Amino acid sequence: MGAGAIAKHLGITSRQLYRLCYAGSVPTFKLGGAVAARRSTLARWLDEQESGARATA
């Protein structure tokens, strides 16, 4: 939980994560005032992004 932890998990900066969150690109939600995400949901999302990239290449 928290933008810093999620960004570290994804290998990006907190600023990049916030941009992706506000664009609706990353599956996150607000928990109180903090950005939160489930690891399993992020893993599934990453798999989908990878599959999509392969399909277009």
N, C-alpha and C. Protein backbone atom coordinates (compact mmCIF):
# COMPACT_ATOMS: atom_id res chain seq x y z
N MET A 1 0.84 -1.17 0.00
CA MET A 1 0.00 0.00 0.00
C MET A 1 0.88 1.23 0.00
N GLY A 2 0.44 2.24 -0.69
CA GLY A 2 1.19 3.48 -0.80
C GLY A 2 1.86 3.59 -2.16
N ALA A 3 1.89 4.80 -2.66
CA ALA A 3 2.45 5.03 -3.99
C ALA A 3 3.91 4.61 -4.08
N GLY A 4 4.68 4.88 -3.04
CA GLY A 4 6.09 4.50 -3.06
C GLY A 4 6.30 3.00 -3.17
N ALA A 5 5.54 2.25 -2.40
CA ALA A 5 5.67 0.79 -2.42
C ALA A 5 5.21 0.21 -3.75
N ILE A 6 4.12 0.73 -4.29
CA ILE A 6 3.61 0.23 -5.57
C ILE A 6 4.60 0.58 -6.69
N ALA A 7 5.11 1.80 -6.66
CA ALA A 7 6.08 2.21 -7.67
C ALA A 7 7.34 1.35 -7.62
N LYS A 8 7.81 1.07 -6.42
CA LYS A 8 9.00 0.22 -6.26
C LYS A 8 8.73 -1.17 -6.81
N HIS A 9 7.55 -1.71 -6.52
CA HIS A 9 7.16 -3.04 -7.02
C HIS A 9 7.15 -3.07 -8.55
N LEU A 10 6.71 -1.98 -9.17
CA LEU A 10 6.63 -1.91 -10.63
C LEU A 10 7.94 -1.46 -11.27
N GLY A 11 8.87 -0.95 -10.45
CA GLY A 11 10.16 -0.50 -10.98
C GLY A 11 10.09 0.86 -11.65
N ILE A 12 9.20 1.72 -11.14
CA ILE A 12 9.06 3.08 -11.67
C ILE A 12 9.11 4.07 -10.51
N THR A 13 9.11 5.35 -10.82
CA THR A 13 9.12 6.36 -9.77
C THR A 13 7.69 6.61 -9.29
N SER A 14 7.59 7.21 -8.11
CA SER A 14 6.27 7.56 -7.57
C SER A 14 5.56 8.53 -8.50
N ARG A 15 6.30 9.45 -9.05
CA ARG A 15 5.69 10.43 -9.97
C ARG A 15 5.09 9.73 -11.19
N GLN A 16 5.81 8.76 -11.74
CA GLN A 16 5.28 8.01 -12.88
C GLN A 16 4.03 7.23 -12.48
N LEU A 17 4.04 6.66 -11.29
CA LEU A 17 2.88 5.93 -10.82
C LEU A 17 1.67 6.84 -10.70
N TYR A 18 1.84 8.01 -10.11
CA TYR A 18 0.72 8.95 -9.98
C TYR A 18 0.16 9.31 -11.34
N ARG A 19 1.02 9.54 -12.32
CA ARG A 19 0.54 9.85 -13.68
C ARG A 19 -0.29 8.71 -14.24
N LEU A 20 0.20 7.49 -14.08
CA LEU A 20 -0.53 6.32 -14.58
C LEU A 20 -1.85 6.12 -13.83
N CYS A 21 -1.85 6.39 -12.53
CA CYS A 21 -3.08 6.26 -11.74
C CYS A 21 -4.14 7.24 -12.21
N TYR A 22 -3.76 8.49 -12.35
CA TYR A 22 -4.72 9.52 -12.74
C TYR A 22 -5.19 9.34 -14.18
N ALA A 23 -4.38 8.69 -15.01
CA ALA A 23 -4.79 8.39 -16.38
C ALA A 23 -5.68 7.14 -16.43
N GLY A 24 -5.74 6.42 -15.31
CA GLY A 24 -6.54 5.19 -15.26
C GLY A 24 -5.85 4.01 -15.91
N SER A 25 -4.55 4.09 -16.06
CA SER A 25 -3.80 3.03 -16.73
C SER A 25 -3.41 1.88 -15.81
N VAL A 26 -3.26 2.15 -14.53
CA VAL A 26 -2.84 1.14 -13.56
C VAL A 26 -4.02 0.80 -12.65
N PRO A 27 -4.23 -0.47 -12.36
CA PRO A 27 -5.36 -0.86 -11.50
C PRO A 27 -5.10 -0.56 -10.03
N THR A 28 -5.38 0.67 -9.63
CA THR A 28 -5.21 1.08 -8.24
C THR A 28 -6.53 1.60 -7.70
N PHE A 29 -6.58 1.79 -6.41
CA PHE A 29 -7.75 2.36 -5.76
C PHE A 29 -7.29 3.17 -4.57
N LYS A 30 -8.17 4.00 -4.06
CA LYS A 30 -7.85 4.82 -2.89
C LYS A 30 -8.32 4.08 -1.64
N LEU A 31 -7.50 4.03 -0.65
CA LEU A 31 -7.83 3.46 0.64
C LEU A 31 -7.54 4.55 1.66
N GLY A 32 -8.61 5.21 2.08
CA GLY A 32 -8.41 6.42 2.86
C GLY A 32 -7.87 7.48 1.94
N GLY A 33 -6.73 8.02 2.24
CA GLY A 33 -6.10 9.00 1.36
C GLY A 33 -4.93 8.43 0.60
N ALA A 34 -4.68 7.13 0.75
CA ALA A 34 -3.51 6.52 0.13
C ALA A 34 -3.88 5.73 -1.12
N VAL A 35 -2.94 5.65 -2.04
CA VAL A 35 -3.10 4.83 -3.23
C VAL A 35 -2.79 3.38 -2.82
N ALA A 36 -3.64 2.46 -3.26
CA ALA A 36 -3.45 1.06 -2.91
C ALA A 36 -3.69 0.18 -4.13
N ALA A 37 -3.12 -1.01 -4.09
CA ALA A 37 -3.32 -2.01 -5.15
C ALA A 37 -2.96 -3.37 -4.60
N ARG A 38 -3.62 -4.38 -5.12
CA ARG A 38 -3.28 -5.76 -4.74
C ARG A 38 -2.13 -6.25 -5.63
N ARG A 39 -1.21 -6.96 -5.03
CA ARG A 39 -0.09 -7.50 -5.81
C ARG A 39 -0.59 -8.43 -6.91
N SER A 40 -1.60 -9.25 -6.59
CA SER A 40 -2.14 -10.19 -7.58
C SER A 40 -2.76 -9.44 -8.76
N THR A 41 -3.44 -8.33 -8.48
CA THR A 41 -4.04 -7.54 -9.55
C THR A 41 -2.96 -6.89 -10.41
N LEU A 42 -1.92 -6.37 -9.77
CA LEU A 42 -0.81 -5.78 -10.51
C LEU A 42 -0.10 -6.82 -11.37
N ALA A 43 0.07 -8.03 -10.84
CA ALA A 43 0.74 -9.09 -11.60
C ALA A 43 -0.09 -9.46 -12.83
N ARG A 44 -1.41 -9.58 -12.66
CA ARG A 44 -2.29 -9.87 -13.78
C ARG A 44 -2.24 -8.76 -14.82
N TRP A 45 -2.26 -7.50 -14.35
CA TRP A 45 -2.21 -6.36 -15.24
C TRP A 45 -0.90 -6.35 -16.04
N LEU A 46 0.22 -6.64 -15.37
CA LEU A 46 1.51 -6.69 -16.06
C LEU A 46 1.52 -7.78 -17.11
N ASP A 47 0.95 -8.94 -16.79
CA ASP A 47 0.86 -10.03 -17.77
C ASP A 47 0.05 -9.60 -18.99
N GLU A 48 -1.07 -8.90 -18.75
CA GLU A 48 -1.90 -8.43 -19.85
C GLU A 48 -1.15 -7.41 -20.71
N GLN A 49 -0.39 -6.53 -20.07
CA GLN A 49 0.38 -5.53 -20.80
C GLN A 49 1.44 -6.20 -21.65
N GLU A 50 2.08 -7.22 -21.10
CA GLU A 50 3.10 -7.94 -21.84
C GLU A 50 2.50 -8.68 -23.02
N SER A 51 1.36 -9.32 -22.80
CA SER A 51 0.69 -10.04 -23.90
C SER A 51 0.26 -9.09 -25.00
N GLY A 52 -0.25 -7.93 -24.63
CA GLY A 52 -0.65 -6.94 -25.61
C GLY A 52 0.52 -6.43 -26.41
N ALA A 53 1.64 -6.26 -25.76
CA ALA A 53 2.84 -5.77 -26.45
C ALA A 53 3.35 -6.82 -27.45
N ARG A 54 3.25 -8.06 -27.08
CA ARG A 54 3.68 -9.13 -28.00
C ARG A 54 2.77 -9.21 -29.20
N ALA A 55 1.47 -9.03 -28.98
CA ALA A 55 0.49 -9.15 -30.06
C ALA A 55 0.67 -8.04 -31.11
N THR A 56 1.06 -6.86 -30.66
CA THR A 56 1.23 -5.74 -31.59
C THR A 56 2.60 -5.74 -32.25
N ALA A 57 3.55 -6.49 -31.70
CA ALA A 57 4.91 -6.50 -32.26
C ALA A 57 5.05 -7.41 -33.44
